[in-house]
Amino acid sequence: MPYDALLFDLDGTLIDTETVAMATGMAAFAALGHPVDHPFMQRLVGVDLPSAAVIISAAHPTLNQDELQHHWHRAFAAEIDRGLPLKPGALELLSARHRPMALVTSSGHDEAHHKLRLTGLHLYFDAVVTLADVTSPKPAPQPYLLAAERLGVSPARCLAFEDSETGAEAAHRAGCTVVQVPDVGQVTGRWAHHLARDLIDGAARAGLTAPAL
């Protein structure tokens, strides 16, 4: 087996939050008199909050971002507290425990751990890297390099699962083998070694599991 560890993104890869984030985000923009479309929202997929703020400011310089985040966060939190579904194959792949596993997310510390507790996924990870742990978030390689370091393995021996271009670029630049499972954002597959329809398909394409019948 060419892998010593498995590294996973969270939103859009293991949990189905991106559709909720898109819907609540568009509603928040509209409520403040700055409606946006799906292509604009897709530019924010997989992006950390400070980087997203730069994108938003460039497009809507008069928008009060504190108000936006207040509206958006409150609506998003209410939605996920009603139920946070897992992506297809997530529990099956994690529970197989093929190798040590780390979570690598652009979410903040409290937000990431809240989602993990809501879904029970906190039980599966040997390490968790959040936005609070790095100075250069995705698409920089630092989050994946740090995850590999915390697991005591070489990034070149890690298999990373991502949905967004931003995340796939980060994992690729860190030297990981990258499985990309597209979610709501546009993807080119440029940074992926394996472009897959779901997590189980991706694991099979990367040689982690037997191909599905």
N, C-alpha and C. Protein backbone atom coordinates (compact mmCIF):
# COMPACT_ATOMS: atom_id res chain seq x y z
N MET A 1 0.85 -1.19 0.00
CA MET A 1 0.00 0.00 0.00
C MET A 1 0.88 1.24 0.00
N PRO A 2 0.69 2.14 -0.97
CA PRO A 2 1.60 3.29 -1.08
C PRO A 2 1.27 4.44 -0.14
N TYR A 3 0.36 4.25 0.82
CA TYR A 3 -0.04 5.36 1.69
C TYR A 3 0.17 4.99 3.16
N ASP A 4 0.69 5.97 3.90
CA ASP A 4 0.85 5.80 5.34
C ASP A 4 -0.25 6.49 6.13
N ALA A 5 -0.99 7.40 5.48
CA ALA A 5 -2.05 8.14 6.18
C ALA A 5 -3.06 8.67 5.18
N LEU A 6 -4.26 8.94 5.69
CA LEU A 6 -5.34 9.52 4.89
C LEU A 6 -5.68 10.89 5.47
N LEU A 7 -5.81 11.87 4.59
CA LEU A 7 -6.11 13.25 4.99
C LEU A 7 -7.42 13.67 4.32
N PHE A 8 -8.31 14.27 5.10
CA PHE A 8 -9.63 14.62 4.58
C PHE A 8 -9.96 16.08 4.82
N ASP A 9 -10.47 16.74 3.78
CA ASP A 9 -11.17 18.00 3.94
C ASP A 9 -12.50 17.70 4.64
N LEU A 10 -13.16 18.73 5.14
CA LEU A 10 -14.42 18.53 5.86
C LEU A 10 -15.64 18.95 5.03
N ASP A 11 -15.81 20.25 4.83
CA ASP A 11 -17.02 20.77 4.18
C ASP A 11 -17.03 20.43 2.69
N GLY A 12 -18.09 19.77 2.27
CA GLY A 12 -18.22 19.40 0.87
C GLY A 12 -17.55 18.09 0.53
N THR A 13 -16.68 17.61 1.42
CA THR A 13 -15.99 16.33 1.20
C THR A 13 -16.56 15.24 2.08
N LEU A 14 -16.62 15.49 3.38
CA LEU A 14 -17.19 14.51 4.31
C LEU A 14 -18.61 14.86 4.73
N ILE A 15 -18.92 16.14 4.80
CA ILE A 15 -20.25 16.56 5.22
C ILE A 15 -20.87 17.48 4.17
N ASP A 16 -22.19 17.40 4.06
CA ASP A 16 -22.90 18.11 3.00
C ASP A 16 -23.31 19.50 3.47
N THR A 17 -22.29 20.36 3.65
CA THR A 17 -22.55 21.71 4.14
C THR A 17 -22.54 22.76 3.05
N GLU A 18 -21.90 22.49 1.93
CA GLU A 18 -21.72 23.54 0.94
C GLU A 18 -23.04 24.01 0.34
N THR A 19 -24.00 23.10 0.14
CA THR A 19 -25.29 23.52 -0.40
C THR A 19 -26.01 24.42 0.60
N VAL A 20 -25.88 24.10 1.89
CA VAL A 20 -26.48 24.94 2.94
C VAL A 20 -25.79 26.30 2.97
N ALA A 21 -24.46 26.30 2.88
CA ALA A 21 -23.71 27.55 2.91
C ALA A 21 -24.07 28.43 1.71
N MET A 22 -24.23 27.82 0.55
CA MET A 22 -24.59 28.59 -0.65
C MET A 22 -25.96 29.25 -0.47
N ALA A 23 -26.94 28.46 -0.02
CA ALA A 23 -28.31 28.97 0.10
C ALA A 23 -28.41 30.05 1.16
N THR A 24 -27.84 29.81 2.33
CA THR A 24 -27.92 30.80 3.41
C THR A 24 -27.08 32.03 3.09
N GLY A 25 -25.97 31.83 2.39
CA GLY A 25 -25.14 32.96 2.00
C GLY A 25 -25.84 33.87 1.01
N MET A 26 -26.47 33.29 0.01
CA MET A 26 -27.19 34.09 -0.98
C MET A 26 -28.33 34.87 -0.32
N ALA A 27 -29.00 34.23 0.64
CA ALA A 27 -30.08 34.91 1.37
C ALA A 27 -29.53 36.07 2.20
N ALA A 28 -28.35 35.89 2.80
CA ALA A 28 -27.75 36.95 3.61
C ALA A 28 -27.35 38.15 2.74
N PHE A 29 -26.73 37.87 1.59
CA PHE A 29 -26.38 38.95 0.67
C PHE A 29 -27.63 39.73 0.25
N ALA A 30 -28.68 38.99 -0.12
CA ALA A 30 -29.92 39.63 -0.58
C ALA A 30 -30.56 40.46 0.52
N ALA A 31 -30.52 39.96 1.75
CA ALA A 31 -31.14 40.67 2.87
C ALA A 31 -30.49 42.03 3.11
N LEU A 32 -29.22 42.16 2.74
CA LEU A 32 -28.49 43.41 2.93
C LEU A 32 -28.46 44.26 1.66
N GLY A 33 -29.27 43.86 0.67
CA GLY A 33 -29.37 44.64 -0.55
C GLY A 33 -28.26 44.45 -1.54
N HIS A 34 -27.55 43.32 -1.45
CA HIS A 34 -26.45 43.01 -2.37
C HIS A 34 -26.62 41.59 -2.91
N PRO A 35 -27.63 41.35 -3.72
CA PRO A 35 -27.86 39.99 -4.22
C PRO A 35 -26.68 39.51 -5.08
N VAL A 36 -26.40 38.21 -4.97
CA VAL A 36 -25.32 37.60 -5.75
C VAL A 36 -25.86 36.36 -6.43
N ASP A 37 -25.11 35.87 -7.42
CA ASP A 37 -25.55 34.68 -8.15
C ASP A 37 -24.69 33.47 -7.77
N HIS A 38 -25.05 32.31 -8.31
CA HIS A 38 -24.32 31.09 -7.99
C HIS A 38 -22.85 31.13 -8.41
N PRO A 39 -22.53 31.66 -9.60
CA PRO A 39 -21.10 31.73 -9.95
C PRO A 39 -20.27 32.51 -8.94
N PHE A 40 -20.83 33.59 -8.40
CA PHE A 40 -20.09 34.35 -7.38
C PHE A 40 -19.91 33.51 -6.13
N MET A 41 -20.96 32.83 -5.69
CA MET A 41 -20.87 32.01 -4.49
C MET A 41 -19.86 30.87 -4.67
N GLN A 42 -19.78 30.35 -5.89
CA GLN A 42 -18.83 29.26 -6.14
C GLN A 42 -17.39 29.71 -5.98
N ARG A 43 -17.14 31.00 -6.14
CA ARG A 43 -15.79 31.52 -5.92
C ARG A 43 -15.39 31.45 -4.45
N LEU A 44 -16.35 31.32 -3.56
CA LEU A 44 -16.08 31.28 -2.13
C LEU A 44 -15.95 29.86 -1.59
N VAL A 45 -16.26 28.86 -2.42
CA VAL A 45 -16.22 27.47 -1.97
C VAL A 45 -14.79 27.06 -1.65
N GLY A 46 -14.59 26.52 -0.45
CA GLY A 46 -13.28 26.03 -0.04
C GLY A 46 -12.31 27.11 0.38
N VAL A 47 -12.78 28.36 0.45
CA VAL A 47 -11.91 29.49 0.77
C VAL A 47 -12.06 29.87 2.24
N ASP A 48 -10.95 30.17 2.90
CA ASP A 48 -11.01 30.59 4.30
C ASP A 48 -11.67 31.96 4.40
N LEU A 49 -12.15 32.31 5.60
CA LEU A 49 -12.92 33.53 5.80
C LEU A 49 -12.16 34.81 5.43
N PRO A 50 -10.91 35.00 5.85
CA PRO A 50 -10.20 36.22 5.45
C PRO A 50 -10.06 36.36 3.94
N SER A 51 -9.76 35.27 3.24
CA SER A 51 -9.63 35.33 1.78
C SER A 51 -10.97 35.61 1.13
N ALA A 52 -12.05 35.01 1.69
CA ALA A 52 -13.39 35.26 1.16
C ALA A 52 -13.76 36.73 1.32
N ALA A 53 -13.35 37.33 2.43
CA ALA A 53 -13.65 38.75 2.68
C ALA A 53 -13.03 39.63 1.61
N VAL A 54 -11.85 39.28 1.13
CA VAL A 54 -11.19 40.05 0.08
C VAL A 54 -12.00 39.97 -1.22
N ILE A 55 -12.46 38.76 -1.55
CA ILE A 55 -13.27 38.55 -2.76
C ILE A 55 -14.57 39.35 -2.68
N ILE A 56 -15.21 39.29 -1.51
CA ILE A 56 -16.48 39.98 -1.32
C ILE A 56 -16.29 41.50 -1.40
N SER A 57 -15.25 41.99 -0.77
CA SER A 57 -14.99 43.42 -0.75
C SER A 57 -14.72 43.97 -2.14
N ALA A 58 -14.03 43.19 -2.96
CA ALA A 58 -13.73 43.63 -4.32
C ALA A 58 -15.00 43.76 -5.15
N ALA A 59 -15.96 42.85 -4.91
CA ALA A 59 -17.20 42.86 -5.69
C ALA A 59 -18.26 43.78 -5.09
N HIS A 60 -18.24 43.94 -3.77
CA HIS A 60 -19.27 44.74 -3.08
C HIS A 60 -18.59 45.62 -2.02
N PRO A 61 -17.91 46.67 -2.46
CA PRO A 61 -17.11 47.49 -1.53
C PRO A 61 -17.93 48.21 -0.47
N THR A 62 -19.22 48.43 -0.70
CA THR A 62 -20.03 49.14 0.29
C THR A 62 -20.76 48.20 1.25
N LEU A 63 -20.61 46.91 1.06
CA LEU A 63 -21.29 45.93 1.91
C LEU A 63 -20.63 45.86 3.28
N ASN A 64 -21.44 45.91 4.33
CA ASN A 64 -20.94 45.74 5.69
C ASN A 64 -20.74 44.25 5.94
N GLN A 65 -19.49 43.83 5.97
CA GLN A 65 -19.21 42.39 6.07
C GLN A 65 -19.48 41.84 7.46
N ASP A 66 -19.40 42.68 8.47
CA ASP A 66 -19.77 42.20 9.81
C ASP A 66 -21.25 41.83 9.85
N GLU A 67 -22.10 42.67 9.25
CA GLU A 67 -23.52 42.35 9.19
C GLU A 67 -23.77 41.11 8.35
N LEU A 68 -23.06 41.02 7.23
CA LEU A 68 -23.20 39.85 6.37
C LEU A 68 -22.88 38.57 7.13
N GLN A 69 -21.74 38.55 7.81
CA GLN A 69 -21.34 37.34 8.53
C GLN A 69 -22.30 37.02 9.67
N HIS A 70 -22.85 38.06 10.29
CA HIS A 70 -23.84 37.83 11.35
C HIS A 70 -25.07 37.13 10.79
N HIS A 71 -25.63 37.67 9.71
CA HIS A 71 -26.81 37.06 9.08
C HIS A 71 -26.51 35.65 8.60
N TRP A 72 -25.39 35.53 7.90
CA TRP A 72 -25.03 34.26 7.28
C TRP A 72 -24.76 33.19 8.33
N HIS A 73 -23.95 33.52 9.31
CA HIS A 73 -23.59 32.53 10.33
C HIS A 73 -24.81 32.07 11.13
N ARG A 74 -25.68 33.00 11.48
CA ARG A 74 -26.86 32.64 12.26
C ARG A 74 -27.76 31.69 11.47
N ALA A 75 -27.99 32.00 10.19
CA ALA A 75 -28.85 31.14 9.37
C ALA A 75 -28.19 29.78 9.12
N PHE A 76 -26.88 29.79 8.86
CA PHE A 76 -26.17 28.54 8.59
C PHE A 76 -26.17 27.64 9.82
N ALA A 77 -25.88 28.22 10.99
CA ALA A 77 -25.85 27.44 12.23
C ALA A 77 -27.21 26.83 12.53
N ALA A 78 -28.28 27.59 12.29
CA ALA A 78 -29.62 27.07 12.54
C ALA A 78 -29.92 25.89 11.63
N GLU A 79 -29.48 25.98 10.38
CA GLU A 79 -29.74 24.90 9.42
C GLU A 79 -29.00 23.63 9.79
N ILE A 80 -27.70 23.75 10.10
CA ILE A 80 -26.94 22.52 10.35
C ILE A 80 -27.33 21.90 11.70
N ASP A 81 -27.81 22.71 12.63
CA ASP A 81 -28.24 22.15 13.91
C ASP A 81 -29.51 21.30 13.75
N ARG A 82 -30.23 21.52 12.65
CA ARG A 82 -31.41 20.69 12.36
C ARG A 82 -31.01 19.32 11.82
N GLY A 83 -29.79 19.23 11.35
CA GLY A 83 -29.30 17.97 10.80
C GLY A 83 -28.19 18.22 9.80
N LEU A 84 -27.13 17.47 9.89
CA LEU A 84 -25.97 17.67 9.04
C LEU A 84 -25.63 16.34 8.36
N PRO A 85 -26.10 16.14 7.14
CA PRO A 85 -25.89 14.85 6.47
C PRO A 85 -24.44 14.65 6.03
N LEU A 86 -24.03 13.41 6.03
CA LEU A 86 -22.70 13.05 5.54
C LEU A 86 -22.75 12.86 4.03
N LYS A 87 -21.62 13.04 3.39
CA LYS A 87 -21.51 12.77 1.97
C LYS A 87 -21.50 11.26 1.74
N PRO A 88 -21.97 10.81 0.57
CA PRO A 88 -22.00 9.37 0.29
C PRO A 88 -20.63 8.71 0.49
N GLY A 89 -20.63 7.61 1.24
CA GLY A 89 -19.41 6.85 1.45
C GLY A 89 -18.53 7.33 2.58
N ALA A 90 -18.87 8.48 3.19
CA ALA A 90 -17.98 9.04 4.22
C ALA A 90 -17.82 8.10 5.41
N LEU A 91 -18.93 7.67 5.97
CA LEU A 91 -18.85 6.82 7.16
C LEU A 91 -18.22 5.48 6.83
N GLU A 92 -18.54 4.93 5.68
CA GLU A 92 -17.97 3.65 5.27
C GLU A 92 -16.45 3.74 5.16
N LEU A 93 -15.97 4.80 4.56
CA LEU A 93 -14.52 4.95 4.36
C LEU A 93 -13.81 5.22 5.68
N LEU A 94 -14.36 6.10 6.51
CA LEU A 94 -13.71 6.42 7.78
C LEU A 94 -13.73 5.24 8.73
N SER A 95 -14.84 4.55 8.81
CA SER A 95 -14.96 3.44 9.77
C SER A 95 -14.09 2.25 9.39
N ALA A 96 -13.67 2.15 8.13
CA ALA A 96 -12.77 1.06 7.72
C ALA A 96 -11.38 1.24 8.33
N ARG A 97 -11.05 2.48 8.70
CA ARG A 97 -9.77 2.80 9.35
C ARG A 97 -8.58 2.15 8.63
N HIS A 98 -8.46 2.43 7.34
CA HIS A 98 -7.38 1.86 6.54
C HIS A 98 -6.01 2.31 7.03
N ARG A 99 -5.91 3.55 7.47
CA ARG A 99 -4.64 4.14 7.89
C ARG A 99 -4.93 5.22 8.94
N PRO A 100 -3.91 5.73 9.65
CA PRO A 100 -4.13 6.91 10.50
C PRO A 100 -4.75 8.03 9.67
N MET A 101 -5.59 8.85 10.31
CA MET A 101 -6.34 9.85 9.56
C MET A 101 -6.29 11.21 10.23
N ALA A 102 -6.24 12.24 9.40
CA ALA A 102 -6.28 13.62 9.89
C ALA A 102 -7.31 14.41 9.11
N LEU A 103 -7.92 15.36 9.78
CA LEU A 103 -8.84 16.30 9.14
C LEU A 103 -8.08 17.59 8.85
N VAL A 104 -8.29 18.13 7.63
CA VAL A 104 -7.59 19.35 7.22
C VAL A 104 -8.65 20.31 6.66
N THR A 105 -9.03 21.31 7.45
CA THR A 105 -10.16 22.16 7.08
C THR A 105 -9.80 23.64 7.15
N SER A 106 -10.51 24.43 6.33
CA SER A 106 -10.36 25.88 6.38
C SER A 106 -11.32 26.52 7.36
N SER A 107 -12.14 25.70 8.01
CA SER A 107 -13.03 26.22 9.06
C SER A 107 -12.22 26.60 10.30
N GLY A 108 -12.77 27.52 11.09
CA GLY A 108 -12.14 27.86 12.36
C GLY A 108 -12.22 26.71 13.34
N HIS A 109 -11.45 26.81 14.42
CA HIS A 109 -11.37 25.72 15.40
C HIS A 109 -12.73 25.35 15.97
N ASP A 110 -13.45 26.31 16.51
CA ASP A 110 -14.73 26.01 17.17
C ASP A 110 -15.75 25.49 16.17
N GLU A 111 -15.81 26.11 15.00
CA GLU A 111 -16.78 25.69 13.98
C GLU A 111 -16.50 24.27 13.52
N ALA A 112 -15.23 23.96 13.26
CA ALA A 112 -14.87 22.63 12.79
C ALA A 112 -15.22 21.56 13.82
N HIS A 113 -14.87 21.80 15.08
CA HIS A 113 -15.13 20.80 16.10
C HIS A 113 -16.63 20.67 16.40
N HIS A 114 -17.38 21.75 16.23
CA HIS A 114 -18.83 21.67 16.38
C HIS A 114 -19.42 20.74 15.32
N LYS A 115 -19.00 20.89 14.08
CA LYS A 115 -19.48 20.03 13.00
C LYS A 115 -19.08 18.58 13.24
N LEU A 116 -17.87 18.37 13.71
CA LEU A 116 -17.41 17.00 13.97
C LEU A 116 -18.24 16.34 15.06
N ARG A 117 -18.57 17.11 16.11
CA ARG A 117 -19.39 16.55 17.19
C ARG A 117 -20.83 16.28 16.73
N LEU A 118 -21.38 17.19 15.91
CA LEU A 118 -22.74 17.01 15.41
C LEU A 118 -22.89 15.71 14.62
N THR A 119 -21.85 15.37 13.87
CA THR A 119 -21.91 14.21 12.99
C THR A 119 -21.29 12.95 13.61
N GLY A 120 -20.58 13.10 14.73
CA GLY A 120 -19.89 11.96 15.33
C GLY A 120 -18.56 11.65 14.67
N LEU A 121 -18.14 12.49 13.73
CA LEU A 121 -16.89 12.21 13.01
C LEU A 121 -15.64 12.45 13.84
N HIS A 122 -15.80 13.12 14.98
CA HIS A 122 -14.64 13.37 15.84
C HIS A 122 -14.00 12.07 16.33
N LEU A 123 -14.74 10.99 16.28
CA LEU A 123 -14.26 9.70 16.77
C LEU A 123 -13.19 9.08 15.87
N TYR A 124 -13.08 9.57 14.65
CA TYR A 124 -12.26 8.88 13.66
C TYR A 124 -10.88 9.49 13.41
N PHE A 125 -10.63 10.70 13.91
CA PHE A 125 -9.41 11.40 13.50
C PHE A 125 -8.33 11.40 14.57
N ASP A 126 -7.10 11.15 14.12
CA ASP A 126 -5.94 11.17 14.99
C ASP A 126 -5.37 12.58 15.12
N ALA A 127 -5.73 13.46 14.21
CA ALA A 127 -5.28 14.85 14.25
C ALA A 127 -6.29 15.71 13.51
N VAL A 128 -6.42 16.96 13.93
CA VAL A 128 -7.32 17.92 13.29
C VAL A 128 -6.55 19.22 13.08
N VAL A 129 -6.50 19.67 11.83
CA VAL A 129 -5.86 20.95 11.48
C VAL A 129 -6.95 21.90 11.00
N THR A 130 -7.09 23.04 11.68
CA THR A 130 -8.09 24.04 11.32
C THR A 130 -7.39 25.34 10.91
N LEU A 131 -8.20 26.32 10.54
CA LEU A 131 -7.65 27.62 10.15
C LEU A 131 -6.80 28.23 11.26
N ALA A 132 -7.15 27.96 12.51
CA ALA A 132 -6.43 28.53 13.64
C ALA A 132 -5.01 27.98 13.78
N ASP A 133 -4.73 26.87 13.11
CA ASP A 133 -3.43 26.21 13.26
C ASP A 133 -2.38 26.66 12.25
N VAL A 134 -2.79 27.45 11.26
CA VAL A 134 -1.86 27.79 10.18
C VAL A 134 -1.79 29.30 9.97
N THR A 135 -0.73 29.72 9.34
CA THR A 135 -0.59 31.14 8.96
C THR A 135 -0.86 31.32 7.47
N SER A 136 -0.76 30.24 6.70
CA SER A 136 -1.02 30.28 5.25
C SER A 136 -2.03 29.19 4.92
N PRO A 137 -3.32 29.54 4.84
CA PRO A 137 -4.35 28.53 4.60
C PRO A 137 -4.38 28.06 3.15
N LYS A 138 -5.23 27.08 2.88
CA LYS A 138 -5.42 26.62 1.51
C LYS A 138 -5.74 27.82 0.61
N PRO A 139 -5.18 27.89 -0.60
CA PRO A 139 -4.50 26.83 -1.37
C PRO A 139 -3.01 26.65 -1.08
N ALA A 140 -2.48 27.34 -0.08
CA ALA A 140 -1.09 27.08 0.33
C ALA A 140 -0.99 25.66 0.88
N PRO A 141 0.15 25.03 0.79
CA PRO A 141 0.29 23.64 1.24
C PRO A 141 0.39 23.47 2.74
N GLN A 142 0.57 24.56 3.49
CA GLN A 142 0.86 24.45 4.93
C GLN A 142 -0.13 23.57 5.70
N PRO A 143 -1.46 23.67 5.49
CA PRO A 143 -2.36 22.82 6.28
C PRO A 143 -2.09 21.33 6.09
N TYR A 144 -1.80 20.91 4.87
CA TYR A 144 -1.54 19.49 4.63
C TYR A 144 -0.16 19.08 5.13
N LEU A 145 0.80 19.97 5.00
CA LEU A 145 2.14 19.67 5.55
C LEU A 145 2.07 19.50 7.06
N LEU A 146 1.28 20.34 7.72
CA LEU A 146 1.14 20.25 9.18
C LEU A 146 0.42 18.97 9.58
N ALA A 147 -0.61 18.59 8.84
CA ALA A 147 -1.33 17.35 9.15
C ALA A 147 -0.41 16.14 9.05
N ALA A 148 0.39 16.09 8.00
CA ALA A 148 1.34 14.98 7.84
C ALA A 148 2.36 14.98 8.98
N GLU A 149 2.82 16.15 9.35
CA GLU A 149 3.79 16.26 10.46
C GLU A 149 3.18 15.74 11.75
N ARG A 150 1.93 16.11 12.02
CA ARG A 150 1.28 15.68 13.26
C ARG A 150 1.05 14.17 13.29
N LEU A 151 0.92 13.56 12.12
CA LEU A 151 0.76 12.11 12.06
C LEU A 151 2.10 11.39 11.99
N GLY A 152 3.18 12.15 11.82
CA GLY A 152 4.51 11.57 11.76
C GLY A 152 4.80 10.83 10.47
N VAL A 153 4.25 11.33 9.35
CA VAL A 153 4.44 10.68 8.06
C VAL A 153 4.89 11.71 7.02
N SER A 154 5.40 11.23 5.91
CA SER A 154 5.77 12.10 4.80
C SER A 154 4.52 12.47 4.01
N PRO A 155 4.38 13.73 3.60
CA PRO A 155 3.24 14.10 2.76
C PRO A 155 3.15 13.27 1.48
N ALA A 156 4.29 12.85 0.97
CA ALA A 156 4.31 12.05 -0.25
C ALA A 156 3.69 10.67 -0.03
N ARG A 157 3.52 10.28 1.22
CA ARG A 157 2.90 8.98 1.54
C ARG A 157 1.46 9.16 2.03
N CYS A 158 0.87 10.34 1.75
CA CYS A 158 -0.49 10.62 2.19
C CYS A 158 -1.45 10.65 1.00
N LEU A 159 -2.64 10.13 1.23
CA LEU A 159 -3.73 10.23 0.26
C LEU A 159 -4.73 11.24 0.79
N ALA A 160 -4.97 12.29 0.01
CA ALA A 160 -5.84 13.40 0.45
C ALA A 160 -7.14 13.40 -0.35
N PHE A 161 -8.25 13.65 0.36
CA PHE A 161 -9.57 13.72 -0.26
C PHE A 161 -10.08 15.15 -0.15
N GLU A 162 -10.43 15.74 -1.29
CA GLU A 162 -10.88 17.12 -1.36
C GLU A 162 -12.04 17.24 -2.34
N ASP A 163 -12.82 18.33 -2.20
CA ASP A 163 -13.86 18.60 -3.19
C ASP A 163 -13.55 19.82 -4.04
N SER A 164 -12.93 20.84 -3.48
CA SER A 164 -12.75 22.12 -4.17
C SER A 164 -11.39 22.21 -4.85
N GLU A 165 -11.30 23.15 -5.80
CA GLU A 165 -10.02 23.44 -6.44
C GLU A 165 -9.01 23.97 -5.43
N THR A 166 -9.50 24.83 -4.53
CA THR A 166 -8.62 25.42 -3.52
C THR A 166 -7.96 24.34 -2.66
N GLY A 167 -8.77 23.40 -2.18
CA GLY A 167 -8.25 22.34 -1.35
C GLY A 167 -7.37 21.37 -2.10
N ALA A 168 -7.78 21.01 -3.31
CA ALA A 168 -6.99 20.09 -4.11
C ALA A 168 -5.62 20.67 -4.43
N GLU A 169 -5.58 21.98 -4.71
CA GLU A 169 -4.30 22.63 -4.96
C GLU A 169 -3.40 22.56 -3.73
N ALA A 170 -3.97 22.81 -2.56
CA ALA A 170 -3.18 22.76 -1.32
C ALA A 170 -2.57 21.38 -1.10
N ALA A 171 -3.38 20.35 -1.26
CA ALA A 171 -2.89 18.99 -1.04
C ALA A 171 -1.85 18.60 -2.09
N HIS A 172 -2.09 18.99 -3.33
CA HIS A 172 -1.15 18.67 -4.41
C HIS A 172 0.20 19.36 -4.17
N ARG A 173 0.14 20.63 -3.81
CA ARG A 173 1.38 21.38 -3.57
C ARG A 173 2.15 20.85 -2.36
N ALA A 174 1.44 20.19 -1.44
CA ALA A 174 2.11 19.58 -0.29
C ALA A 174 2.79 18.27 -0.65
N GLY A 175 2.47 17.75 -1.83
CA GLY A 175 3.08 16.51 -2.27
C GLY A 175 2.23 15.27 -2.07
N CYS A 176 0.97 15.47 -1.67
CA CYS A 176 0.07 14.33 -1.45
C CYS A 176 -0.48 13.81 -2.77
N THR A 177 -0.94 12.57 -2.75
CA THR A 177 -1.78 12.05 -3.83
C THR A 177 -3.19 12.55 -3.57
N VAL A 178 -3.82 13.15 -4.58
CA VAL A 178 -5.09 13.85 -4.37
C VAL A 178 -6.24 13.17 -5.08
N VAL A 179 -7.27 12.85 -4.31
CA VAL A 179 -8.56 12.42 -4.85
C VAL A 179 -9.50 13.61 -4.74
N GLN A 180 -10.08 14.03 -5.84
CA GLN A 180 -11.02 15.14 -5.84
C GLN A 180 -12.41 14.63 -6.20
N VAL A 181 -13.36 14.90 -5.29
CA VAL A 181 -14.76 14.54 -5.50
C VAL A 181 -15.54 15.84 -5.60
N PRO A 182 -15.88 16.30 -6.80
CA PRO A 182 -16.53 17.61 -6.94
C PRO A 182 -17.85 17.68 -6.17
N ASP A 183 -18.09 18.86 -5.59
CA ASP A 183 -19.34 19.10 -4.87
C ASP A 183 -20.10 20.20 -5.60
N VAL A 184 -20.25 21.38 -5.01
CA VAL A 184 -21.05 22.43 -5.65
C VAL A 184 -20.22 23.37 -6.51
N GLY A 185 -18.92 23.41 -6.31
CA GLY A 185 -18.08 24.35 -7.05
C GLY A 185 -17.62 23.77 -8.39
N GLN A 186 -17.26 24.68 -9.29
CA GLN A 186 -16.70 24.27 -10.57
C GLN A 186 -15.29 23.73 -10.35
N VAL A 187 -14.97 22.61 -10.98
CA VAL A 187 -13.62 22.04 -10.85
C VAL A 187 -13.05 21.72 -12.23
N THR A 188 -11.74 21.78 -12.31
CA THR A 188 -11.06 21.42 -13.55
C THR A 188 -10.38 20.06 -13.43
N GLY A 189 -10.13 19.63 -12.18
CA GLY A 189 -9.37 18.41 -11.96
C GLY A 189 -7.87 18.62 -12.15
N ARG A 190 -7.47 19.87 -12.33
CA ARG A 190 -6.07 20.19 -12.60
C ARG A 190 -5.13 19.70 -11.50
N TRP A 191 -5.60 19.77 -10.25
CA TRP A 191 -4.74 19.43 -9.12
C TRP A 191 -4.97 18.01 -8.61
N ALA A 192 -5.83 17.27 -9.28
CA ALA A 192 -6.19 15.93 -8.80
C ALA A 192 -5.41 14.84 -9.53
N HIS A 193 -5.02 13.83 -8.79
CA HIS A 193 -4.49 12.63 -9.41
C HIS A 193 -5.63 11.70 -9.81
N HIS A 194 -6.73 11.80 -9.07
CA HIS A 194 -7.90 10.98 -9.36
C HIS A 194 -9.15 11.85 -9.19
N LEU A 195 -9.94 11.98 -10.24
CA LEU A 195 -11.21 12.70 -10.19
C LEU A 195 -12.30 11.65 -10.08
N ALA A 196 -13.12 11.74 -9.01
CA ALA A 196 -14.04 10.65 -8.70
C ALA A 196 -15.46 11.14 -8.50
N ARG A 197 -16.41 10.21 -8.64
CA ARG A 197 -17.83 10.58 -8.48
C ARG A 197 -18.25 10.60 -7.01
N ASP A 198 -17.55 9.86 -6.14
CA ASP A 198 -17.83 9.87 -4.71
C ASP A 198 -16.60 9.35 -3.97
N LEU A 199 -16.65 9.34 -2.65
CA LEU A 199 -15.48 8.97 -1.86
C LEU A 199 -15.05 7.52 -2.09
N ILE A 200 -16.01 6.62 -2.18
CA ILE A 200 -15.68 5.20 -2.37
C ILE A 200 -15.05 4.98 -3.74
N ASP A 201 -15.59 5.63 -4.75
CA ASP A 201 -15.01 5.56 -6.08
C ASP A 201 -13.58 6.12 -6.06
N GLY A 202 -13.39 7.22 -5.35
CA GLY A 202 -12.06 7.81 -5.26
C GLY A 202 -11.06 6.90 -4.56
N ALA A 203 -11.50 6.27 -3.48
CA ALA A 203 -10.62 5.35 -2.76
C ALA A 203 -10.20 4.19 -3.65
N ALA A 204 -11.14 3.70 -4.46
CA ALA A 204 -10.83 2.60 -5.36
C ALA A 204 -9.86 3.04 -6.46
N ARG A 205 -10.11 4.22 -7.03
CA ARG A 205 -9.23 4.73 -8.09
C ARG A 205 -7.80 4.93 -7.59
N ALA A 206 -7.67 5.29 -6.31
CA ALA A 206 -6.34 5.52 -5.73
C ALA A 206 -5.69 4.24 -5.23
N GLY A 207 -6.40 3.11 -5.35
CA GLY A 207 -5.83 1.84 -4.92
C GLY A 207 -5.95 1.55 -3.45
N LEU A 208 -6.79 2.31 -2.75
CA LEU A 208 -6.98 2.09 -1.32
C LEU A 208 -7.93 0.94 -1.05
N THR A 209 -8.93 0.81 -1.91
CA THR A 209 -9.93 -0.26 -1.76
C THR A 209 -10.13 -0.93 -3.11
N ALA A 210 -10.84 -2.05 -3.08
CA ALA A 210 -11.18 -2.73 -4.34
C ALA A 210 -12.23 -1.94 -5.08
N PRO A 211 -12.21 -1.94 -6.42
CA PRO A 211 -13.23 -1.22 -7.18
C PRO A 211 -14.64 -1.74 -6.86
N ALA A 212 -15.61 -0.80 -6.81
CA ALA A 212 -17.00 -1.21 -6.57
C ALA A 212 -17.53 -2.00 -7.76
N LEU A 213 -18.36 -2.98 -7.45
CA LEU A 213 -18.96 -3.78 -8.52
C LEU A 213 -20.09 -3.01 -9.17
